[in-house]
C-alpha atoms as a PDB file:
ATOM      1  CA  MET A   1      -0.468  -0.120  -0.001  1.00  0.00           C
ATOM      2  CA  LYS A   2       1.246   3.600  -0.791  1.00  0.00           C
ATOM      3  CA  ILE A   3       1.121   5.845   1.459  1.00  0.00           C
ATOM      4  CA  VAL A   4       2.759   8.874  -0.038  1.00  0.00           C
ATOM      5  CA  ASP A   5       2.492   9.894  -3.772  1.00  0.00           C
ATOM      6  CA  THR A   6       5.785  11.165  -4.980  1.00  0.00           C
ATOM      7  CA  LYS A   7       5.458  12.949  -8.381  1.00  0.00           C
ATOM      8  CA  VAL A   8       8.390  14.622  -9.569  1.00  0.00           C
ATOM      9  CA  ARG A   9       8.098  18.141 -10.677  1.00  0.00           C
ATOM     10  CA  ARG A  10       9.859  19.450 -13.323  1.00  0.00           C
ATOM     11  CA  THR A  11      10.963  23.074 -12.798  1.00  0.00           C
ATOM     12  CA  GLN A  12      10.944  25.128 -16.032  1.00  0.00           C
ATOM     13  CA  ILE A  13      12.247  28.957 -16.467  1.00  0.00           C
ATOM     14  CA  ASN A  14      10.524  31.035 -18.819  1.00  0.00           C
ATOM     15  CA  LEU A  15      12.938  32.922 -21.035  1.00  0.00           C
ATOM     16  CA  THR A  16      10.747  35.004 -23.156  1.00  0.00           C
ATOM     17  CA  SER A  17      10.614  37.746 -20.171  1.00  0.00           C
ATOM     18  CA  LEU A  18      14.319  37.957 -20.356  1.00  0.00           C
ATOM     19  CA  ILE A  19      14.798  37.901 -23.544  1.00  0.00           C
ATOM     20  CA  ASP A  20      12.510  40.548 -24.169  1.00  0.00           C
ATOM     21  CA  VAL A  21      14.534  42.695 -21.459  1.00  0.00           C
ATOM     22  CA  LEU A  22      18.629  41.978 -22.655  1.00  0.00           C
ATOM     23  CA  PHE A  23      17.351  43.193 -26.392  1.00  0.00           C
ATOM     24  CA  LEU A  24      15.642  46.593 -24.847  1.00  0.00           C
ATOM     25  CA  LEU A  25      19.093  47.092 -23.166  1.00  0.00           C
ATOM     26  CA  ILE A  26      20.514  46.410 -26.471  1.00  0.00           C
ATOM     27  CA  ILE A  27      18.478  48.467 -28.058  1.00  0.00           C
ATOM     28  CA  PHE A  28      19.078  51.383 -25.155  1.00  0.00           C
ATOM     29  CA  PHE A  29      22.722  50.997 -25.179  1.00  0.00           C
ATOM     30  CA  ALA A  30      23.291  50.932 -29.078  1.00  0.00           C
ATOM     31  CA  VAL A  31      20.621  54.119 -29.345  1.00  0.00           C
ATOM     32  CA  SER A  32      22.714  56.212 -26.136  1.00  0.00           C
ATOM     33  CA  THR A  33      26.316  55.269 -27.757  1.00  0.00           C
ATOM     34  CA  ARG A  34      28.415  58.640 -28.976  1.00  0.00           C
ATOM     35  CA  PHE A  35      30.962  57.934 -30.928  1.00  0.00           C
ATOM     36  CA  GLY A  36      34.183  60.047 -30.273  1.00  0.00           C
ATOM     37  CA  GLU A  37      35.633  62.105 -33.372  1.00  0.00           C
ATOM     38  CA  GLN A  38      38.859  61.991 -34.452  1.00  0.00           C
ATOM     39  CA  GLU A  39      40.057  65.319 -35.345  1.00  0.00           C
ATOM     40  CA  ALA A  40      42.174  65.612 -38.233  1.00  0.00           C
ATOM     41  CA  VAL A  41      45.032  67.324 -39.556  1.00  0.00           C
ATOM     42  CA  PRO A  42      44.255  69.658 -42.304  1.00  0.00           C
ATOM     43  CA  LEU A  43      47.499  68.638 -44.660  1.00  0.00           C
ATOM     44  CA  GLU A  44      48.766  69.898 -47.895  1.00  0.00           C
ATOM     45  CA  LEU A  45      50.623  67.337 -48.953  1.00  0.00           C
ATOM     46  CA  PRO A  46      52.869  68.008 -51.807  1.00  0.00           C
ATOM     47  CA  LYS A  47      51.488  66.708 -55.476  1.00  0.00           C
ATOM     48  CA  ALA A  48      53.691  64.200 -57.596  1.00  0.00           C
ATOM     49  CA  LYS A  49      52.554  62.913 -60.979  1.00  0.00           C
ATOM     50  CA  THR A  50      54.179  59.477 -59.988  1.00  0.00           C
ATOM     51  CA  SER A  51      52.711  59.090 -56.985  1.00  0.00           C
ATOM     52  CA  GLN A  52      50.964  55.510 -56.484  1.00  0.00           C
ATOM     53  CA  ARG A  53      48.133  54.244 -54.480  1.00  0.00           C
ATOM     54  CA  LEU A  54      50.062  51.407 -52.757  1.00  0.00           C
ATOM     55  CA  ALA A  55      48.390  49.066 -50.144  1.00  0.00           C
ATOM     56  CA  LEU A  56      51.029  48.825 -47.355  1.00  0.00           C
ATOM     57  CA  GLN A  57      51.287  46.943 -44.355  1.00  0.00           C
ATOM     58  CA  THR A  58      52.059  49.559 -41.752  1.00  0.00           C
ATOM     59  CA  GLN A  59      51.897  50.549 -38.052  1.00  0.00           C
ATOM     60  CA  LEU A  60      53.083  53.172 -37.833  1.00  0.00           C
ATOM     61  CA  VAL A  61      51.234  56.505 -39.656  1.00  0.00           C
ATOM     62  CA  VAL A  62      53.635  59.899 -38.859  1.00  0.00           C
ATOM     63  CA  THR A  63      51.127  62.828 -39.564  1.00  0.00           C
ATOM     64  CA  PHE A  64      53.866  66.210 -39.202  1.00  0.00           C
ATOM     65  CA  LYS A  65      52.205  69.749 -39.797  1.00  0.00           C
ATOM     66  CA  ASP A  66      54.569  71.728 -37.832  1.00  0.00           C
ATOM     67  CA  LYS A  67      56.871  71.265 -34.293  1.00  0.00           C
ATOM     68  CA  THR A  68      53.813  71.554 -32.563  1.00  0.00           C
ATOM     69  CA  GLN A  69      51.338  69.202 -34.240  1.00  0.00           C
ATOM     70  CA  LEU A  70      52.967  66.271 -34.362  1.00  0.00           C
ATOM     71  CA  TYR A  71      50.865  62.753 -34.454  1.00  0.00           C
ATOM     72  CA  LEU A  72      51.545  58.995 -34.621  1.00  0.00           C
ATOM     73  CA  ASN A  73      48.953  56.926 -35.615  1.00  0.00           C
ATOM     74  CA  GLY A  74      46.689  59.486 -35.043  1.00  0.00           C
ATOM     75  CA  THR A  75      47.414  60.085 -31.606  1.00  0.00           C
ATOM     76  CA  HIS A  76      49.414  63.462 -30.771  1.00  0.00           C
ATOM     77  CA  THR A  77      52.665  63.253 -29.254  1.00  0.00           C
ATOM     78  CA  GLY A  78      55.090  66.035 -28.677  1.00  0.00           C
ATOM     79  CA  TRP A  79      58.572  66.393 -30.436  1.00  0.00           C
ATOM     80  CA  ASP A  80      60.299  66.048 -27.203  1.00  0.00           C
ATOM     81  CA  GLN A  81      58.245  62.650 -26.659  1.00  0.00           C
ATOM     82  CA  LEU A  82      59.190  61.626 -30.081  1.00  0.00           C
ATOM     83  CA  ASP A  83      62.448  59.302 -29.023  1.00  0.00           C
ATOM     84  CA  GLY A  84      60.298  57.974 -26.232  1.00  0.00           C
ATOM     85  CA  THR A  85      57.814  56.370 -28.611  1.00  0.00           C
ATOM     86  CA  LEU A  86      59.403  55.184 -30.803  1.00  0.00           C
ATOM     87  CA  GLU A  87      61.315  53.075 -28.504  1.00  0.00           C
ATOM     88  CA  ASN A  88      58.339  50.886 -28.495  1.00  0.00           C
ATOM     89  CA  PRO A  89      59.250  47.612 -29.120  1.00  0.00           C
ATOM     90  CA  LEU A  90      55.793  46.495 -30.541  1.00  0.00           C
ATOM     91  CA  PHE A  91      56.319  48.724 -33.517  1.00  0.00           C
ATOM     92  CA  ASP A  92      57.767  46.236 -36.244  1.00  0.00           C
ATOM     93  CA  ARG A  93      60.651  47.798 -37.735  1.00  0.00           C
ATOM     94  CA  GLU A  94      60.287  45.928 -41.076  1.00  0.00           C
ATOM     95  CA  LYS A  95      56.821  47.239 -41.965  1.00  0.00           C
ATOM     96  CA  LYS A  96      57.381  50.816 -43.633  1.00  0.00           C
ATOM     97  CA  VAL A  97      56.763  54.277 -41.714  1.00  0.00           C
ATOM     98  CA  VAL A  98      54.519  56.759 -43.737  1.00  0.00           C
ATOM     99  CA  LEU A  99      55.000  60.407 -43.516  1.00  0.00           C
ATOM    100  CA  ASN A 100      52.080  62.554 -44.273  1.00  0.00           C
ATOM    101  CA  ILE A 101      54.006  66.010 -43.956  1.00  0.00           C
ATOM    102  CA  ASP A 102      52.713  69.281 -44.837  1.00  0.00           C
ATOM    103  CA  THR A 103      53.905  71.362 -48.078  1.00  0.00           C
ATOM    104  CA  GLN A 104      54.692  74.155 -45.502  1.00  0.00           C
ATOM    105  CA  VAL A 105      57.185  71.946 -43.278  1.00  0.00           C
ATOM    106  CA  PRO A 106      60.908  73.304 -43.791  1.00  0.00           C
ATOM    107  CA  HIS A 107      63.074  70.980 -45.368  1.00  0.00           C
ATOM    108  CA  GLY A 108      65.180  70.876 -41.809  1.00  0.00           C
ATOM    109  CA  GLN A 109      62.370  69.439 -39.535  1.00  0.00           C
ATOM    110  CA  VAL A 110      62.085  66.465 -42.147  1.00  0.00           C
ATOM    111  CA  ILE A 111      65.569  65.486 -42.245  1.00  0.00           C
ATOM    112  CA  GLU A 112      65.639  65.693 -38.017  1.00  0.00           C
ATOM    113  CA  LEU A 113      62.463  63.401 -38.146  1.00  0.00           C
ATOM    114  CA  LEU A 114      64.140  60.860 -40.442  1.00  0.00           C
ATOM    115  CA  ASP A 115      66.946  61.497 -38.196  1.00  0.00           C
ATOM    116  CA  ARG A 116      64.984  60.009 -35.462  1.00  0.00           C
ATOM    117  CA  LEU A 117      63.439  57.220 -37.050  1.00  0.00           C
ATOM    118  CA  ARG A 118      66.997  55.926 -38.474  1.00  0.00           C
ATOM    119  CA  SER A 119      68.511  55.968 -34.715  1.00  0.00           C
ATOM    120  CA  HIS A 120      65.279  53.721 -34.017  1.00  0.00           C
ATOM    121  CA  HIS A 121      66.046  51.461 -36.886  1.00  0.00           C
ATOM    122  CA  PHE A 122      62.888  52.278 -38.619  1.00  0.00           C
ATOM    123  CA  GLU A 123      64.507  52.375 -42.243  1.00  0.00           C
ATOM    124  CA  LYS A 124      61.506  51.563 -44.837  1.00  0.00           C
ATOM    125  CA  VAL A 125      60.178  55.106 -45.206  1.00  0.00           C
ATOM    126  CA  ALA A 126      57.180  56.122 -47.327  1.00  0.00           C
ATOM    127  CA  PHE A 127      56.280  59.910 -48.483  1.00  0.00           C
ATOM    128  CA  GLY A 128      52.584  60.645 -48.245  1.00  0.00           C
ATOM    129  CA  THR A 129      51.377  62.436 -51.342  1.00  0.00           C
ATOM    130  CA  GLN A 130      48.531  63.892 -53.596  1.00  0.00           C
ATOM    131  CA  ALA A 131      48.074  62.561 -56.926  1.00  0.00           C
ATOM    132  CA  PRO A 132      47.946  66.206 -59.232  1.00  0.00           C
END
């Protein structure tokens, strides 16, 4: 004779409301997210008839307008901080360095920049130009 009737109860979790809440959170964060705008440096690159569009494998892009506006990979760097930044061992010295230099930059400053790059063993350099 059975006295206790033991039925196994299965518990179920209703995921519908959880999924609804997750979708609402995703929509909220997608709508309220602000994307930071990076300021572009207005440069007048030199014009060259023989300029070519090349797909370069590079890790380092130097944008140089004057001694106060020097950017490495889009990050503002002071002229006095340049050596410390170039010593970073994560930069691959075998890849090309692209130099986007304004036409108003004096020749002496370009040579100084090239000298600093070579002293940190960056040998492959490409100059950014504009097609006419």
